[in-house]
């Protein structure tokens, strides 16, 4: 069967990109960037907090821009969060716990802590290397700091000076190919798959779900896929401004709604909170028997924690750079700080809420998920586990599961919107800005496959595409690390130590001069 063959090929590739090499590259990059920037996310905590969430309601952050293809910092954050806060925050966390035990949550936190600075570096480089495209819109992303950053690097040998131009260009092209594939995986199939699973379970229409079109796929699931396709087309075909306008309205609402709902569940189950945290920390280094004994079990917990953490916050993929680069902000470090907050909000806040809901609902050994045996309550799957946890407290009329289904729909749908933009920017680099409408149409058409693929295959394909996208991006970040350190030191000297030094804002002299004038006028 063709799906079995796809699963076999995908499994082989996945084993490589998410093996020791991939995990070492991912976490190692975060550790190196954190060390070289002197633990910026901690040492300048008050500063980045003040300049992100602390400035959320200021005019400069909220004000819409008339400039073509330019969005406000708040819109950039919401669009990035739209793409990152998705099914990984609900079904992904549940899947990580089911496979890697409670300890997987700890490794998600570790990945997020170092991922904050990976995301910071990506977004700072994105602003520094961005440029205007043929439509007079900002374009930025890993492909540009691979092309002009890594590609601009030279070294000397016995034959004279040699350039990395060819390597930068090859990695930029590979990144764009993988980004487009990822937009079909993490940004389409994986999200839609979870929407359909949760909505069909919570809002069953037996007249439609009882009719199988082919295999186990019902007419109801097909119709849900078609509905999502239509909604996506209406929004994404309007470009980044329309996506950003929708994102800034939906994202704050959906995040607050889910966090408040989660806090209610956790508050009612308050007696299980401390045991849940104990299980997270203890099982991170001493997993339960169902995960596996000894070092093998720890590796399973680490792998699933890291994979689901990256699936959730995307730090290291270089994806959110493509929307952060559309921000009106001129300072690379300022946009980098929004990248730190993005990872914090996504994983430390939302994913933690999900994990505590699953672990505390009904108790650690008798609730929806048994921490010791790894058993899921009968009738639930990793896709519907969080809905079952909400139903534990709000069982009337299936209201808990319906609440999660609505949250899942909002989370996943906005992720589809954000990834449509990411994929279109990758397409733009390869084929030109005038042809991006072709990609958006293709992206919309692939949504239907998420409704018919099995849950595990949809997630596995998404994991593989993420891993492939991560490799060229992180190579670029590591090569550009001296520049990241230089930009960061320049910003700290000017803005925190108040030294009179020239700002470092862009690789392009013309953009640098324009940005300098804007910064001098207070438009940062």
Protein backbone atom coordinates (compact mmCIF):
# COMPACT_ATOMS: atom_id res chain seq x y z
CA UNK A 1 0.00 0.00 0.00
CA UNK A 2 1.31 3.47 -0.88
CA UNK A 3 0.78 4.93 2.62
CA UNK A 4 2.81 2.06 4.12
CA UNK A 5 5.65 2.79 1.69
CA UNK A 6 5.53 6.50 2.55
CA UNK A 7 5.67 5.62 6.25
CA UNK A 8 8.68 3.35 5.68
CA UNK A 9 10.66 5.98 3.72
CA UNK A 10 9.70 8.72 6.16
CA UNK A 11 10.76 6.57 9.11
CA UNK A 12 14.24 6.10 7.66
CA UNK A 13 14.74 9.82 7.06
CA UNK A 14 13.22 10.73 10.42
CA UNK A 15 15.66 8.43 12.21
CA UNK A 16 18.54 10.40 10.75
CA UNK A 17 17.36 13.99 11.15
CA UNK A 18 16.03 13.38 14.67
CA UNK A 19 18.90 11.13 15.73
CA UNK A 20 21.90 12.17 17.80
CA UNK A 21 23.14 14.54 15.08
CA UNK A 22 19.87 16.48 14.79
CA UNK A 23 19.29 16.79 18.54
CA UNK A 24 22.90 17.79 19.18
CA UNK A 25 22.70 20.44 16.47
CA UNK A 26 19.39 21.80 17.79
CA UNK A 27 20.15 21.99 21.49
CA UNK A 28 23.86 22.61 20.96
CA UNK A 29 23.12 25.72 18.89
CA UNK A 30 20.83 27.06 21.62
CA UNK A 31 23.48 26.42 24.29
CA UNK A 32 26.22 28.07 22.21
CA UNK A 33 24.10 31.16 21.38
CA UNK A 34 23.03 31.44 25.03
CA UNK A 35 26.64 31.23 26.23
CA UNK A 36 28.01 33.66 23.63
CA UNK A 37 25.33 36.25 24.40
CA UNK A 38 26.05 35.83 28.13
CA UNK A 39 22.65 34.27 28.90
CA UNK A 40 20.79 37.26 27.46
CA UNK A 41 17.37 35.73 28.22
CA UNK A 42 18.25 35.81 31.95
CA UNK A 43 20.72 38.69 32.37
CA UNK A 44 18.48 41.08 30.44
CA UNK A 45 15.16 39.54 31.49
CA UNK A 46 13.70 42.83 32.74
CA UNK A 47 14.74 44.62 29.54
CA UNK A 48 13.28 42.15 27.02
CA UNK A 49 10.16 41.73 29.14
CA UNK A 50 9.65 45.51 29.23
CA UNK A 51 10.19 45.79 25.47
CA UNK A 52 7.81 42.95 24.58
CA UNK A 53 4.85 42.18 26.83
CA UNK A 54 5.53 45.36 28.80
CA UNK A 55 5.07 47.51 25.69
CA UNK A 56 2.15 45.53 24.30
CA UNK A 57 -0.32 48.39 24.48
CA UNK A 58 1.95 51.18 23.25
CA UNK A 59 1.07 52.97 20.01
CA UNK A 60 4.30 51.98 18.26
CA UNK A 61 3.68 48.30 18.90
CA UNK A 62 -0.03 48.25 17.97
CA UNK A 63 -0.24 50.87 15.21
CA UNK A 64 -1.00 49.50 11.74
CA UNK A 65 1.47 50.48 9.01
CA UNK A 66 0.44 51.92 5.64
CA UNK A 67 3.72 50.87 4.07
CA UNK A 68 3.14 47.99 1.65
CA UNK A 69 3.90 44.55 3.10
CA UNK A 70 4.87 46.03 6.49
CA UNK A 71 3.06 45.01 9.67
CA UNK A 72 3.22 46.19 13.28
CA UNK A 73 5.41 44.40 15.86
CA UNK A 74 2.22 43.12 17.53
CA UNK A 75 0.89 41.78 14.23
CA UNK A 76 4.27 40.12 13.56
CA UNK A 77 4.14 38.47 17.00
CA UNK A 78 0.52 37.35 16.54
CA UNK A 79 1.21 35.93 13.07
CA UNK A 80 4.31 34.12 14.37
CA UNK A 81 2.32 32.82 17.36
CA UNK A 82 -0.49 31.89 14.97
CA UNK A 83 1.98 29.59 13.22
CA UNK A 84 3.62 28.28 16.42
CA UNK A 85 0.68 27.98 18.82
CA UNK A 86 -1.01 25.06 17.12
CA UNK A 87 -1.81 21.42 17.64
CA UNK A 88 1.68 20.93 19.05
CA UNK A 89 0.54 22.81 22.14
CA UNK A 90 -2.42 20.50 22.74
CA UNK A 91 -2.19 17.16 20.92
CA UNK A 92 1.61 17.42 20.60
CA UNK A 93 2.15 17.78 24.35
CA UNK A 94 -0.29 14.93 24.99
CA UNK A 95 1.55 12.73 22.47
CA UNK A 96 4.93 13.55 24.08
CA UNK A 97 3.61 12.52 27.52
CA UNK A 98 2.01 9.33 26.17
CA UNK A 99 5.28 8.23 24.52
CA UNK A 100 7.97 9.74 26.73
CA UNK A 101 6.13 9.96 30.05
CA UNK A 102 5.79 13.00 32.29
CA UNK A 103 9.56 13.55 32.04
CA UNK A 104 9.17 14.63 28.39
CA UNK A 105 7.68 17.90 29.68
CA UNK A 106 10.93 18.74 31.47
CA UNK A 107 12.90 18.29 28.25
CA UNK A 108 10.40 20.50 26.44
CA UNK A 109 11.26 23.22 28.97
CA UNK A 110 14.99 22.68 28.43
CA UNK A 111 14.56 22.92 24.66
CA UNK A 112 12.49 26.09 25.13
CA UNK A 113 15.01 27.75 27.46
CA UNK A 114 17.84 27.44 24.96
CA UNK A 115 15.43 27.79 22.04
CA UNK A 116 14.64 31.32 23.21
CA UNK A 117 18.11 32.42 22.17
CA UNK A 118 18.09 30.39 18.96
CA UNK A 119 14.88 32.20 18.01
CA UNK A 120 16.44 35.48 19.11
CA UNK A 121 19.45 34.94 16.84
CA UNK A 122 17.27 33.91 13.89
CA UNK A 123 15.06 36.99 14.11
CA UNK A 124 17.93 39.41 14.69
CA UNK A 125 19.64 38.03 11.58
CA UNK A 126 16.32 38.17 9.73
CA UNK A 127 15.98 41.93 10.27
CA UNK A 128 19.68 42.54 9.55
CA UNK A 129 19.64 40.70 6.19
CA UNK A 130 16.13 41.57 4.98
CA UNK A 131 15.49 43.52 1.77
CA UNK A 132 12.57 44.73 -0.39
CA UNK A 133 11.25 42.36 -3.04
CA UNK A 134 9.77 43.02 -6.50
CA UNK A 135 6.44 43.94 -4.87
CA UNK A 136 8.20 46.49 -2.61
CA UNK A 137 7.53 44.30 0.46
CA UNK A 138 10.06 43.25 3.10
CA UNK A 139 11.53 39.79 2.58
CA UNK A 140 13.68 38.08 5.16
CA UNK A 141 14.46 34.61 6.41
CA UNK A 142 17.16 31.99 6.78
CA UNK A 143 17.63 31.83 3.00
CA UNK A 144 18.92 35.41 3.01
CA UNK A 145 21.37 35.09 5.88
CA UNK A 146 22.55 31.84 4.31
CA UNK A 147 22.99 33.51 0.93
CA UNK A 148 24.49 36.85 2.04
CA UNK A 149 25.83 35.95 5.48
CA UNK A 150 27.36 32.51 5.13
CA UNK A 151 27.73 33.12 1.37
CA UNK A 152 29.68 36.30 2.01
CA UNK A 153 32.21 34.53 4.23
CA UNK A 154 35.73 34.15 2.79
CA UNK A 155 38.85 32.35 3.95
CA UNK A 156 42.45 32.17 2.76
CA UNK A 157 44.44 29.11 1.76
CA UNK A 158 47.62 28.48 -0.27
CA UNK A 159 45.73 29.30 -3.48
CA UNK A 160 44.50 32.64 -2.20
CA UNK A 161 41.07 33.69 -0.98
CA UNK A 162 38.13 31.29 -1.25
CA UNK A 163 34.45 32.05 -0.85
CA UNK A 164 31.55 30.21 0.78
CA UNK A 165 29.19 31.75 -1.77
CA UNK A 166 28.32 28.42 -3.38
CA UNK A 167 27.66 26.77 0.00
CA UNK A 168 25.45 29.63 1.17
CA UNK A 169 23.39 29.49 -2.02
CA UNK A 170 22.98 25.70 -1.92
CA UNK A 171 21.89 25.75 1.74
CA UNK A 172 19.50 28.64 1.03
CA UNK A 173 17.84 26.66 -1.77
CA UNK A 174 17.64 23.53 0.39
CA UNK A 175 16.13 25.53 3.25
CA UNK A 176 13.42 26.89 0.95
CA UNK A 177 12.59 23.44 -0.42
CA UNK A 178 12.33 22.02 3.09
CA UNK A 179 10.29 25.04 4.24
CA UNK A 180 7.74 24.48 1.51
CA UNK A 181 7.54 20.78 2.38
CA UNK A 182 7.18 21.70 6.07
CA UNK A 183 4.36 24.09 5.21
CA UNK A 184 2.49 21.07 3.85
CA UNK A 185 3.37 19.00 6.95
CA UNK A 186 3.41 21.11 10.12
CA UNK A 187 1.48 23.89 8.37
CA UNK A 188 -1.24 21.85 6.76
CA UNK A 189 -1.57 18.09 7.16
CA UNK A 190 -0.64 17.85 10.85
CA UNK A 191 -2.89 20.75 11.87
CA UNK A 192 -5.93 19.76 9.82
CA UNK A 193 -5.60 16.15 10.96
CA UNK A 194 -6.05 17.19 14.59
CA UNK A 195 -8.84 19.65 13.80
CA UNK A 196 -10.84 16.93 12.08
CA UNK A 197 -10.16 14.35 14.83
CA UNK A 198 -11.28 16.68 17.62
CA UNK A 199 -14.21 18.37 15.89
CA UNK A 200 -15.66 15.08 14.60
CA UNK A 201 -15.38 13.55 18.10
CA UNK A 202 -16.84 16.57 19.95
CA UNK A 203 -19.50 17.59 17.42
CA UNK A 204 -20.48 14.29 15.85
CA UNK A 205 -23.03 14.35 13.01
CA UNK A 206 -23.96 10.68 12.72
CA UNK A 207 -25.74 11.14 9.39
CA UNK A 208 -22.40 12.17 7.86
CA UNK A 209 -19.87 10.30 10.02
CA UNK A 210 -21.61 6.97 9.36
CA UNK A 211 -20.92 7.26 5.62
CA UNK A 212 -17.44 6.05 4.68
CA UNK A 213 -16.10 7.54 1.44
CA UNK A 214 -13.04 5.29 1.28
CA UNK A 215 -11.39 3.15 3.95
CA UNK A 216 -12.14 4.54 7.39
CA UNK A 217 -12.51 8.12 6.14
CA UNK A 218 -16.05 9.41 6.59
CA UNK A 219 -17.98 11.94 4.56
CA UNK A 220 -18.03 14.17 7.66
CA UNK A 221 -14.21 14.29 7.75
CA UNK A 222 -14.05 15.11 4.04
CA UNK A 223 -16.56 17.95 4.43
CA UNK A 224 -14.63 19.38 7.39
CA UNK A 225 -11.47 19.34 5.24
CA UNK A 226 -13.28 21.17 2.42
CA UNK A 227 -14.61 23.80 4.88
CA UNK A 228 -11.09 24.46 6.22
CA UNK A 229 -9.81 24.73 2.63
CA UNK A 230 -12.41 27.39 1.82
CA UNK A 231 -11.71 29.47 4.95
CA UNK A 232 -7.95 29.26 4.36
CA UNK A 233 -8.30 30.37 0.73
CA UNK A 234 -10.35 33.46 1.65
CA UNK A 235 -7.63 34.66 4.05
CA UNK A 236 -4.27 33.50 2.68
CA UNK A 237 -4.87 34.55 -0.90
CA UNK A 238 -5.05 38.13 0.43
CA UNK A 239 -1.37 38.11 1.44
CA UNK A 240 0.52 38.86 4.66
CA UNK A 241 -1.51 41.93 5.66
CA UNK A 242 -4.79 40.01 5.63
CA UNK A 243 -3.19 37.08 7.49
CA UNK A 244 -1.79 39.50 10.09
CA UNK A 245 -5.13 41.29 10.49
CA UNK A 246 -6.87 37.99 11.22
CA UNK A 247 -4.06 36.74 13.47
CA UNK A 248 -4.02 39.82 15.73
CA UNK A 249 -7.74 39.34 16.40
CA UNK A 250 -7.80 35.57 16.93
CA UNK A 251 -4.46 34.77 18.62
CA UNK A 252 -4.78 36.86 21.84
CA UNK A 253 -8.35 35.62 22.29
CA UNK A 254 -7.52 31.95 21.76
CA UNK A 255 -4.42 31.96 24.00
CA UNK A 256 -6.20 33.72 26.88
CA UNK A 257 -9.25 31.47 26.44
CA UNK A 258 -7.19 28.26 26.61
CA UNK A 259 -4.96 29.43 29.49
CA UNK A 260 -7.96 30.52 31.59
CA UNK A 261 -9.79 27.25 30.85
CA UNK A 262 -6.65 25.29 31.78
CA UNK A 263 -6.18 27.24 35.02
CA UNK A 264 -9.76 26.36 36.01
CA UNK A 265 -9.06 22.63 35.48
CA UNK A 266 -5.71 22.80 37.28
CA UNK A 267 -7.22 24.86 40.12
CA UNK A 268 -9.98 22.32 40.71
CA UNK A 269 -7.35 19.56 40.75
CA UNK A 270 -5.00 21.62 42.97
CA UNK A 271 -4.08 18.62 45.14
CA UNK A 272 -2.40 16.94 42.14
CA UNK A 273 -0.28 19.97 41.10
CA UNK A 274 2.79 19.24 43.28
CA UNK A 275 2.73 15.48 42.50
CA UNK A 276 2.53 16.39 38.80
CA UNK A 277 5.62 18.62 38.99
CA UNK A 278 7.41 15.91 40.98
CA UNK A 279 6.58 13.37 38.26
CA UNK A 280 7.88 15.74 35.57
CA UNK A 281 11.25 16.28 37.27
CA UNK A 282 11.75 12.70 38.53
CA UNK A 283 10.63 10.97 35.32
CA UNK A 284 12.91 13.19 33.23
CA UNK A 285 15.88 11.22 34.62
CA UNK A 286 14.14 8.07 35.84
CA UNK A 287 11.31 7.25 33.42
CA UNK A 288 8.49 4.86 34.31
CA UNK A 289 8.65 1.29 33.01
CA UNK A 290 6.29 1.88 30.07
CA UNK A 291 8.80 4.36 28.58
CA UNK A 292 11.77 2.04 28.93
CA UNK A 293 14.40 1.33 31.51
CA UNK A 294 17.75 2.99 32.09
CA UNK A 295 19.40 5.31 29.60
CA UNK A 296 17.10 4.10 26.81
CA UNK A 297 14.06 5.46 28.62
CA UNK A 298 15.76 8.79 29.26
CA UNK A 299 16.63 9.09 25.57
CA UNK A 300 12.99 8.41 24.62
CA UNK A 301 11.85 11.13 27.04
CA UNK A 302 14.47 13.60 25.77
CA UNK A 303 13.78 12.87 22.11
CA UNK A 304 10.02 13.27 22.44
CA UNK A 305 10.35 16.35 24.63
CA UNK A 306 12.69 18.04 22.14
CA UNK A 307 10.73 16.99 19.05
CA UNK A 308 7.39 18.15 20.42
CA UNK A 309 8.99 21.29 21.83
CA UNK A 310 10.32 22.24 18.41
CA UNK A 311 7.03 21.26 16.75
CA UNK A 312 5.36 23.63 19.21
CA UNK A 313 7.64 26.70 19.30
CA UNK A 314 9.62 26.16 16.06
CA UNK A 315 12.83 27.59 17.56
CA UNK A 316 15.67 26.43 15.32
CA UNK A 317 13.56 25.97 12.20
CA UNK A 318 14.05 29.53 10.94
CA UNK A 319 10.36 29.68 10.08
CA UNK A 320 9.04 32.60 12.14
CA UNK A 321 11.86 34.78 10.80
CA UNK A 322 9.90 35.06 7.56
CA UNK A 323 7.08 36.96 9.26
CA UNK A 324 9.14 38.79 11.90
CA UNK A 325 11.09 40.29 8.98
CA UNK A 326 7.90 42.05 7.84
CA UNK A 327 7.83 44.01 11.09
CA UNK A 328 8.22 47.80 11.08
CA UNK A 329 10.94 47.51 13.74
CA UNK A 330 14.37 48.73 12.61
CA UNK A 331 16.46 47.31 15.47
CA UNK A 332 17.46 43.65 14.88
CA UNK A 333 17.79 43.04 18.63
CA UNK A 334 14.32 44.40 19.35
CA UNK A 335 12.75 41.94 16.96
CA UNK A 336 14.99 39.25 18.42
CA UNK A 337 13.49 39.96 21.84
CA UNK A 338 10.01 39.38 20.42
CA UNK A 339 11.40 36.00 19.33
CA UNK A 340 12.37 35.24 22.94
CA UNK A 341 8.88 36.13 24.14
CA UNK A 342 7.33 34.02 21.37
CA UNK A 343 9.05 30.85 22.65
CA UNK A 344 8.28 31.76 26.27
CA UNK A 345 4.56 32.25 25.58
CA UNK A 346 4.29 29.17 23.39
CA UNK A 347 6.10 26.55 25.44
CA UNK A 348 6.66 27.80 28.98
CA UNK A 349 3.07 29.08 29.26
CA UNK A 350 0.72 27.27 26.87
CA UNK A 351 2.44 23.86 26.72
CA UNK A 352 2.85 23.80 30.50
CA UNK A 353 -0.86 24.47 30.90
CA UNK A 354 -1.66 21.53 28.62
CA UNK A 355 0.73 19.20 30.45
CA UNK A 356 -0.71 20.07 33.87
CA UNK A 357 -4.27 19.60 32.60
CA UNK A 358 -3.41 16.07 31.41
CA UNK A 359 -1.40 15.12 34.49
CA UNK A 360 -3.76 16.51 37.15
CA UNK A 361 -7.15 15.63 35.67
CA UNK A 362 -8.49 12.80 37.81
CA UNK A 363 -5.16 12.18 39.51
CA UNK A 364 -1.81 10.86 38.31
CA UNK A 365 -2.73 7.17 38.52
CA UNK A 366 -6.47 7.14 38.01
CA UNK A 367 -7.28 9.99 35.66
CA UNK A 368 -7.32 10.33 31.88
CA UNK A 369 -3.65 9.30 31.77
CA UNK A 370 -1.87 6.98 34.18
CA UNK A 371 1.63 8.34 34.79
CA UNK A 372 2.94 5.00 36.09
CA UNK A 373 1.57 2.60 33.46
CA UNK A 374 1.20 4.98 30.49
CA UNK A 375 -2.38 3.86 29.95
CA UNK A 376 -4.88 6.26 28.39
CA UNK A 377 -8.49 6.13 29.52
CA UNK A 378 -10.58 3.90 27.27
CA UNK A 379 -12.17 5.79 24.40
CA UNK A 380 -9.44 8.45 24.26
CA UNK A 381 -6.36 8.86 22.05
CA UNK A 382 -3.43 11.25 22.17
CA UNK A 383 -5.44 13.52 19.85
CA UNK A 384 -8.47 13.66 22.18
CA UNK A 385 -6.69 13.26 25.55
CA UNK A 386 -6.85 16.94 26.49
CA UNK A 387 -10.54 17.06 25.58
CA UNK A 388 -11.10 14.07 27.85
CA UNK A 389 -9.27 15.86 30.66
CA UNK A 390 -11.58 18.86 30.32
CA UNK A 391 -14.58 16.52 30.24
CA UNK A 392 -13.43 15.10 33.57
CA UNK A 393 -14.42 18.42 35.15
CA UNK A 394 -17.08 19.59 32.69
CA UNK A 395 -18.91 16.41 31.58
CA UNK A 396 -22.32 17.96 30.94
CA UNK A 397 -23.22 17.71 27.28
CA UNK A 398 -19.61 16.88 26.42
CA UNK A 399 -18.82 20.57 27.07
CA UNK A 400 -15.18 20.00 28.06
CA UNK A 401 -14.27 18.14 24.89
CA UNK A 402 -16.16 20.68 22.82
CA UNK A 403 -14.24 23.52 24.46
CA UNK A 404 -10.94 21.85 23.53
CA UNK A 405 -12.19 21.10 20.02
CA UNK A 406 -12.94 24.82 19.53
CA UNK A 407 -9.52 25.75 20.98
CA UNK A 408 -7.87 23.16 18.76
CA UNK A 409 -9.66 24.52 15.72
CA UNK A 410 -8.49 28.09 16.46
CA UNK A 411 -4.93 27.01 17.29
CA UNK A 412 -4.56 24.77 14.27
CA UNK A 413 -6.38 26.97 11.78
CA UNK A 414 -4.23 30.03 12.57
CA UNK A 415 -1.15 27.81 12.23
CA UNK A 416 -2.25 26.90 8.71
CA UNK A 417 -2.53 30.64 7.95
CA UNK A 418 0.92 31.46 9.31
CA UNK A 419 2.61 28.58 7.50
CA UNK A 420 0.98 29.59 4.24
CA UNK A 421 2.98 32.83 4.52
CA UNK A 422 6.19 30.97 5.41
CA UNK A 423 5.87 28.65 2.45
CA UNK A 424 5.06 31.52 0.11
CA UNK A 425 8.24 33.38 1.17
CA UNK A 426 10.30 30.25 0.46
CA UNK A 427 8.57 29.97 -2.94
CA UNK A 428 9.29 33.66 -3.55
CA UNK A 429 13.01 33.13 -3.02
CA UNK A 430 13.06 30.27 -5.54
CA UNK A 431 10.63 31.51 -8.17
CA UNK A 432 10.07 35.24 -7.62
CA UNK A 433 7.59 37.45 -5.75
CA UNK A 434 5.19 37.70 -8.67
CA UNK A 435 4.41 33.95 -8.61
CA UNK A 436 3.62 33.39 -4.90
CA UNK A 437 -0.12 33.13 -5.63
CA UNK A 438 0.66 29.74 -7.24
CA UNK A 439 2.11 28.43 -3.98
CA UNK A 440 -0.83 29.70 -1.93
CA UNK A 441 -3.25 27.87 -4.20
CA UNK A 442 -1.23 24.63 -3.95
CA UNK A 443 -1.05 25.00 -0.15
CA UNK A 444 -4.83 25.39 0.07
CA UNK A 445 -5.36 22.29 -2.08
CA UNK A 446 -3.11 20.08 0.11
CA UNK A 447 -5.24 20.76 3.20
CA UNK A 448 -7.64 17.96 2.28
CA UNK A 449 -4.88 15.36 2.73
CA UNK A 450 -4.68 16.21 6.44
CA UNK A 451 -8.30 15.10 6.79
CA UNK A 452 -7.65 11.63 5.33
CA UNK A 453 -4.16 10.67 6.58
CA UNK A 454 -3.77 8.63 9.75
CA UNK A 455 -2.80 10.65 12.83
CA UNK A 456 0.60 9.03 13.36
CA UNK A 457 1.69 9.36 9.72
CA UNK A 458 0.67 13.04 9.55
CA UNK A 459 2.73 13.80 12.66
CA UNK A 460 5.72 11.71 11.54
CA UNK A 461 5.89 13.46 8.17
CA UNK A 462 5.70 16.83 9.91
CA UNK A 463 8.54 15.85 12.26
CA UNK A 464 10.72 14.86 9.30
CA UNK A 465 10.14 18.08 7.37
CA UNK A 466 10.90 20.07 10.54
CA UNK A 467 14.18 18.26 11.00
CA UNK A 468 15.24 18.75 7.38
CA UNK A 469 14.42 22.48 7.57
CA UNK A 470 16.34 22.83 10.82
CA UNK A 471 19.71 21.64 9.50
CA UNK A 472 20.60 24.38 6.95
CA UNK A 473 19.09 27.07 9.18
CA UNK A 474 21.18 26.16 12.22
CA UNK A 475 24.33 25.88 10.12
CA UNK A 476 23.66 29.48 9.06
CA UNK A 477 23.01 30.62 12.64
CA UNK A 478 26.27 29.06 13.87
CA UNK A 479 28.30 30.65 11.07
CA UNK A 480 26.66 34.02 11.75
CA UNK A 481 27.05 33.79 15.54
CA UNK A 482 29.94 36.33 15.68
CA UNK A 483 27.65 38.82 13.91
CA UNK A 484 24.80 38.08 16.36
CA UNK A 485 27.17 38.73 19.27
CA UNK A 486 28.37 41.94 17.62
CA UNK A 487 24.82 43.22 16.99
CA UNK A 488 23.81 42.31 20.56
CA UNK A 489 26.81 44.05 22.13
CA UNK A 490 26.18 47.12 19.98
CA UNK A 491 22.56 47.27 21.16
CA UNK A 492 23.43 46.73 24.83
CA UNK A 493 26.11 49.44 24.65
CA UNK A 494 23.66 51.93 23.10
CA UNK A 495 20.37 51.14 24.83
CA UNK A 496 21.36 49.77 28.21
CA UNK A 497 24.82 51.23 28.90
CA UNK A 498 23.95 54.47 27.00
CA UNK A 499 27.21 54.66 25.07
CA UNK A 500 27.49 56.87 22.01
CA UNK A 501 28.19 54.28 19.32
CA UNK A 502 26.91 53.90 15.76
CA UNK A 503 24.02 51.40 15.49
CA UNK A 504 24.38 48.17 13.51
CA UNK A 505 21.04 47.68 11.74
CA UNK A 506 21.48 46.22 8.24
CA UNK A 507 23.93 44.52 5.88
CA UNK A 508 22.82 46.94 3.12
CA UNK A 509 24.31 50.47 3.31
CA UNK A 510 21.14 52.10 1.95
CA UNK A 511 18.84 50.27 4.35
CA UNK A 512 21.33 50.98 7.17
CA UNK A 513 21.23 54.72 6.45
CA UNK A 514 17.43 54.75 6.26
CA UNK A 515 17.10 52.72 9.48
CA UNK A 516 19.64 54.94 11.27
CA UNK A 517 17.58 58.01 10.44
CA UNK A 518 14.42 56.30 11.71
CA UNK A 519 16.10 55.19 14.95
CA UNK A 520 17.47 58.70 15.48
CA UNK A 521 13.91 60.01 15.08
CA UNK A 522 12.69 57.54 17.68
CA UNK A 523 11.08 55.12 15.20
CA UNK A 524 12.66 51.87 16.34
